[in-house]
Amino acid sequence: MASKQATIASFVEAAPPGELSNVVADIKALASSEAQSLEPAFKKYNEEQYTTVKLPGSAEAVLVSEYNSLGNGRYFDAVSQTSFEIDHASQKASGAQQHPLESSHADLVRSLQKAFAAASTEHFPSSTIGVFPTSSDSAVALLLVANKYSPQNFWNGRWRSTYLLDPASNTLSGTIKVDVHYYEDGNVRMSTQKKLELNGSSGAESIVRSIAKAENDFQAELNRAFTTLSEGSFKGLRRQLPVTRQRVEWEKIGGYRLGQDIGGGRSK
């Protein structure tokens, strides 16, 4: 059986998009003593969800992930060539320092960064990308996160893309993850992903075009799936008419007496 601390940490790691602060507030209210030692859970959440932070003195958002981790709580941004530390609980960056991009793939990283940034601006209303050489310098990671929060309408969503390019073999593998939470009068959460194998040759522009096409195709797949569910499975879950075979007059619903007006019997 998992320990109490592990169980509480799992709530942090599984927090829906844009709702980490709500989850933490609930944990502090219900188990304040355990809330003091959740730093590893916050770190895992931020790295896996591609949390974005703003560097001191900058308006540009940068990603936090395992791919740009330097260890000891520090991360780096390839564009500004800056390293920084982050408080994982508050998601605040500090301690910015110069960090030159040192990689045998530095030119490729820069060209991919430029092409990927242009494509993400074209296809997403708001997104943040990162292109980083891996720790072994054998591959280049292309990351994207796009968040859309609408708490006033009781939903939040996140799109994450991860691609690993091996320049030696010209192979490009990726994973797209989509996570949406709807919570008006209940909880409905969709979490889905798709793995991809793409062409990693012919330069940065060609690579990014293949990524954009694959992501557009996946979006179209999701749209078709939602249409099928709405017109098929979800529709089958609802009664088309009440048991009385008469349509409910919703404007009068507040005045109905259960069992008499709806069911036709006498109220008790």
Protein backbone atom coordinates (compact mmCIF):
# COMPACT_ATOMS: atom_id res chain seq x y z
CA MET A 1 0.00 0.00 0.00
CA ALA A 2 1.31 3.44 -0.92
CA SER A 3 2.34 5.75 1.90
CA LYS A 4 0.26 8.78 2.75
CA GLN A 5 3.02 11.03 1.41
CA ALA A 6 3.14 9.13 -1.90
CA THR A 7 -0.63 9.32 -2.25
CA ILE A 8 -0.65 13.07 -1.69
CA ALA A 9 2.25 13.52 -4.14
CA SER A 10 0.24 11.64 -6.77
CA PHE A 11 -2.49 14.29 -6.53
CA VAL A 12 0.07 16.97 -7.37
CA GLU A 13 1.54 15.00 -10.27
CA ALA A 14 -1.94 14.37 -11.73
CA ALA A 15 -3.24 17.93 -11.35
CA PRO A 16 -5.29 19.03 -14.41
CA PRO A 17 -3.95 21.84 -16.62
CA GLY A 18 -4.02 25.22 -14.93
CA GLU A 19 -5.31 23.81 -11.64
CA LEU A 20 -2.18 23.00 -9.65
CA SER A 21 -2.78 25.87 -7.21
CA ASN A 22 -6.28 24.56 -6.47
CA VAL A 23 -4.94 21.08 -5.80
CA VAL A 24 -2.24 22.44 -3.50
CA ALA A 25 -4.79 24.53 -1.60
CA ASP A 26 -6.89 21.42 -1.02
CA ILE A 27 -3.84 19.47 0.17
CA LYS A 28 -2.87 22.23 2.60
CA ALA A 29 -6.41 22.29 3.98
CA LEU A 30 -6.63 18.51 4.40
CA ALA A 31 -3.04 17.47 5.14
CA SER A 32 -0.98 20.55 5.95
CA SER A 33 1.92 18.60 7.51
CA GLU A 34 2.54 16.58 4.34
CA ALA A 35 2.31 19.66 2.12
CA GLN A 36 5.70 20.86 3.36
CA SER A 37 7.63 18.04 1.66
CA LEU A 38 6.20 17.96 -1.84
CA GLU A 39 9.15 19.50 -3.68
CA PRO A 40 9.92 16.28 -5.66
CA ALA A 41 6.27 16.11 -6.79
CA PHE A 42 6.29 19.76 -7.88
CA LYS A 43 9.54 19.18 -9.80
CA LYS A 44 8.12 16.13 -11.57
CA TYR A 45 4.92 18.00 -12.44
CA ASN A 46 6.74 21.04 -13.83
CA GLU A 47 9.13 18.98 -15.94
CA GLU A 48 6.48 16.63 -17.33
CA GLN A 49 3.90 19.35 -18.02
CA TYR A 50 6.43 21.73 -19.62
CA THR A 51 5.64 24.49 -17.18
CA THR A 52 6.56 27.93 -18.50
CA VAL A 53 8.29 30.63 -16.48
CA LYS A 54 9.55 34.13 -17.21
CA LEU A 55 13.18 34.94 -16.59
CA PRO A 56 13.98 37.94 -14.40
CA GLY A 57 13.77 41.09 -16.51
CA SER A 58 12.26 39.30 -19.51
CA ALA A 59 8.72 39.10 -20.86
CA GLU A 60 9.40 35.92 -22.84
CA ALA A 61 8.29 32.57 -21.42
CA VAL A 62 10.72 29.64 -21.32
CA LEU A 63 10.08 25.95 -20.74
CA VAL A 64 10.99 23.77 -17.81
CA SER A 65 11.66 20.15 -18.75
CA GLU A 66 14.05 17.27 -18.25
CA TYR A 67 15.64 18.17 -21.60
CA ASN A 68 16.93 21.57 -20.48
CA SER A 69 17.74 20.56 -16.92
CA LEU A 70 21.29 21.20 -15.71
CA GLY A 71 20.73 19.47 -12.39
CA ASN A 72 20.68 20.97 -8.90
CA GLY A 73 17.47 22.85 -9.68
CA ARG A 74 18.87 24.79 -12.64
CA TYR A 75 17.68 24.87 -16.26
CA PHE A 76 18.77 26.66 -19.42
CA ASP A 77 17.23 28.49 -22.36
CA ALA A 78 18.97 27.98 -25.69
CA VAL A 79 17.65 31.17 -27.29
CA SER A 80 18.81 33.68 -24.67
CA GLN A 81 21.73 31.40 -23.70
CA THR A 82 20.78 31.83 -20.07
CA SER A 83 20.58 29.43 -17.17
CA PHE A 84 18.24 29.92 -14.24
CA GLU A 85 16.97 28.27 -11.11
CA ILE A 86 13.34 27.66 -10.30
CA ASP A 87 11.27 27.36 -7.17
CA HIS A 88 9.14 24.41 -8.23
CA ALA A 89 6.40 25.11 -5.68
CA SER A 90 5.84 28.73 -6.74
CA GLN A 91 6.93 28.21 -10.37
CA LYS A 92 9.15 31.31 -10.19
CA ALA A 93 12.54 31.66 -11.90
CA SER A 94 15.53 33.47 -10.44
CA GLY A 95 19.32 33.52 -10.46
CA ALA A 96 19.73 34.06 -14.20
CA GLN A 97 23.26 33.60 -15.54
CA GLN A 98 24.91 33.42 -18.94
CA HIS A 99 25.00 29.89 -20.34
CA PRO A 100 26.47 29.62 -23.86
CA LEU A 101 25.00 26.95 -26.12
CA GLU A 102 27.71 24.31 -26.33
CA SER A 103 26.78 21.48 -28.65
CA SER A 104 28.02 19.84 -31.82
CA HIS A 105 24.49 20.50 -33.12
CA ALA A 106 24.38 24.20 -32.17
CA ASP A 107 23.67 25.40 -35.73
CA LEU A 108 20.92 22.80 -36.14
CA VAL A 109 19.38 23.84 -32.80
CA ARG A 110 19.25 27.48 -33.92
CA SER A 111 17.72 26.71 -37.32
CA LEU A 112 15.13 24.36 -35.79
CA GLN A 113 14.30 26.97 -33.14
CA LYS A 114 13.58 29.57 -35.82
CA ALA A 115 11.45 27.25 -37.99
CA PHE A 116 9.59 25.70 -35.05
CA ALA A 117 8.79 29.11 -33.54
CA ALA A 118 7.31 30.31 -36.83
CA ALA A 119 5.19 27.16 -37.22
CA SER A 120 3.88 27.26 -33.65
CA THR A 121 2.85 30.90 -34.09
CA GLU A 122 0.94 29.95 -37.23
CA HIS A 123 -0.88 26.94 -35.77
CA PHE A 124 -1.47 27.84 -32.10
CA PRO A 125 -3.10 30.99 -30.65
CA SER A 126 -0.56 30.88 -27.84
CA SER A 127 2.32 28.49 -27.29
CA THR A 128 5.88 28.18 -26.00
CA ILE A 129 8.59 26.10 -27.63
CA GLY A 130 12.06 24.94 -26.74
CA VAL A 131 14.80 23.28 -28.80
CA PHE A 132 17.63 21.72 -26.82
CA PRO A 133 20.55 19.36 -27.38
CA THR A 134 20.12 16.27 -25.20
CA SER A 135 22.50 15.69 -22.31
CA SER A 136 24.47 13.15 -24.36
CA ASP A 137 24.54 15.55 -27.35
CA SER A 138 23.45 12.65 -29.56
CA ALA A 139 20.02 14.12 -30.36
CA VAL A 140 18.01 17.34 -30.41
CA ALA A 141 14.73 17.71 -28.51
CA LEU A 142 11.92 19.88 -29.88
CA LEU A 143 9.27 20.71 -27.29
CA LEU A 144 6.01 22.63 -27.49
CA VAL A 145 3.32 23.44 -24.95
CA ALA A 146 0.07 25.29 -25.63
CA ASN A 147 -2.26 26.09 -22.73
CA LYS A 148 -5.84 27.32 -22.89
CA TYR A 149 -7.50 28.13 -19.58
CA SER A 150 -11.16 29.13 -19.29
CA PRO A 151 -12.07 28.76 -15.60
CA GLN A 152 -15.08 31.06 -16.01
CA ASN A 153 -16.48 28.38 -18.32
CA PHE A 154 -15.22 25.53 -16.11
CA TRP A 155 -12.62 24.04 -18.45
CA ASN A 156 -8.86 24.06 -19.01
CA GLY A 157 -6.68 22.33 -21.58
CA ARG A 158 -3.08 21.64 -22.54
CA TRP A 159 -1.34 20.40 -25.70
CA ARG A 160 2.21 19.06 -25.38
CA SER A 161 4.48 17.91 -28.20
CA THR A 162 7.84 16.16 -27.78
CA TYR A 163 10.12 15.25 -30.70
CA LEU A 164 13.59 13.72 -30.64
CA LEU A 165 15.73 14.15 -33.74
CA ASP A 166 18.79 11.94 -34.25
CA PRO A 167 20.95 13.82 -36.78
CA ALA A 168 23.19 10.78 -37.33
CA SER A 169 20.38 8.52 -38.53
CA ASN A 170 17.95 11.24 -39.68
CA THR A 171 15.20 9.70 -37.54
CA LEU A 172 12.52 11.77 -35.82
CA SER A 173 10.21 10.27 -33.21
CA GLY A 174 7.56 12.15 -31.29
CA THR A 175 4.62 12.10 -28.95
CA ILE A 176 1.64 14.46 -28.79
CA LYS A 177 -0.33 14.63 -25.54
CA VAL A 178 -3.64 16.42 -25.08
CA ASP A 179 -5.23 16.91 -21.66
CA VAL A 180 -8.59 18.68 -21.19
CA HIS A 181 -10.61 19.01 -17.97
CA TYR A 182 -14.27 20.09 -17.85
CA TYR A 183 -15.68 20.49 -14.36
CA GLU A 184 -19.06 22.24 -14.39
CA ASP A 185 -21.45 20.25 -12.12
CA GLY A 186 -19.06 17.28 -12.23
CA ASN A 187 -15.72 16.20 -13.66
CA VAL A 188 -14.94 15.06 -17.19
CA ARG A 189 -11.33 14.70 -18.24
CA MET A 190 -9.89 13.66 -21.57
CA SER A 191 -6.26 12.59 -21.69
CA THR A 192 -4.98 11.17 -24.95
CA GLN A 193 -1.72 10.82 -26.81
CA LYS A 194 -0.33 9.79 -30.18
CA LYS A 195 3.14 8.50 -31.01
CA LEU A 196 4.73 9.46 -34.31
CA GLU A 197 7.63 8.39 -36.51
CA LEU A 198 8.53 11.09 -39.04
CA ASN A 199 11.16 11.93 -41.61
CA GLY A 200 14.12 13.62 -39.94
CA SER A 201 16.09 14.53 -43.05
CA SER A 202 16.23 17.45 -45.52
CA GLY A 203 16.84 20.31 -43.10
CA ALA A 204 15.04 22.27 -40.41
CA GLU A 205 12.24 23.70 -42.58
CA SER A 206 11.31 20.27 -43.94
CA ILE A 207 11.41 18.69 -40.48
CA VAL A 208 9.10 21.31 -39.03
CA ARG A 209 6.69 21.02 -41.98
CA SER A 210 6.38 17.29 -41.34
CA ILE A 211 5.72 17.98 -37.66
CA ALA A 212 3.05 20.56 -38.49
CA LYS A 213 1.33 18.17 -40.90
CA ALA A 214 1.34 15.33 -38.35
CA GLU A 215 -0.14 17.60 -35.69
CA ASN A 216 -2.84 18.90 -38.04
CA ASP A 217 -3.73 15.30 -38.91
CA PHE A 218 -3.98 14.41 -35.24
CA GLN A 219 -6.23 17.41 -34.60
CA ALA A 220 -8.48 16.26 -37.45
CA GLU A 221 -8.59 12.76 -35.90
CA LEU A 222 -9.72 14.24 -32.60
CA ASN A 223 -12.41 16.31 -34.30
CA ARG A 224 -13.77 13.24 -36.09
CA ALA A 225 -13.72 11.23 -32.85
CA PHE A 226 -15.68 13.93 -31.00
CA THR A 227 -18.26 14.08 -33.78
CA THR A 228 -18.69 10.31 -33.69
CA LEU A 229 -19.07 10.30 -29.91
CA SER A 230 -21.56 13.17 -29.94
CA GLU A 231 -23.75 11.61 -32.63
CA GLY A 232 -23.32 8.03 -31.46
CA SER A 233 -22.21 6.87 -28.03
CA PHE A 234 -23.03 10.04 -26.08
CA LYS A 235 -26.40 10.37 -27.76
CA GLY A 236 -27.21 6.79 -26.85
CA LEU A 237 -26.62 7.55 -23.18
CA ARG A 238 -29.48 10.09 -23.11
CA ARG A 239 -33.20 9.48 -23.24
CA GLN A 240 -34.72 11.25 -26.21
CA LEU A 241 -37.97 11.60 -24.24
CA PRO A 242 -38.83 11.11 -20.55
CA VAL A 243 -40.62 7.96 -19.41
CA THR A 244 -43.96 9.78 -19.94
CA ARG A 245 -43.06 10.11 -23.66
CA GLN A 246 -43.71 13.84 -23.38
CA ARG A 247 -41.13 16.58 -23.62
CA VAL A 248 -40.19 18.31 -20.38
CA GLU A 249 -41.15 21.99 -20.21
CA TRP A 250 -37.87 23.18 -18.80
CA GLU A 251 -39.08 26.70 -18.05
CA LYS A 252 -41.54 25.14 -15.56
CA ILE A 253 -39.11 22.64 -14.04
CA GLY A 254 -38.83 24.54 -10.79
CA GLY A 255 -42.57 24.17 -10.17
CA TYR A 256 -42.90 20.45 -10.87
CA ARG A 257 -43.92 18.17 -8.00
CA LEU A 258 -41.95 14.97 -8.34
CA GLY A 259 -44.23 11.96 -8.87
CA GLN A 260 -47.35 13.94 -9.74
CA ASP A 261 -46.56 16.43 -12.51
CA ILE A 262 -43.79 14.32 -14.09
CA GLY A 263 -44.81 10.77 -13.24
CA GLY A 264 -48.58 11.25 -13.40
CA GLY A 265 -49.21 10.01 -9.83
CA ARG A 266 -50.15 11.77 -6.63
CA SER A 267 -47.50 13.53 -4.53
CA LYS A 268 -47.05 12.41 -0.95
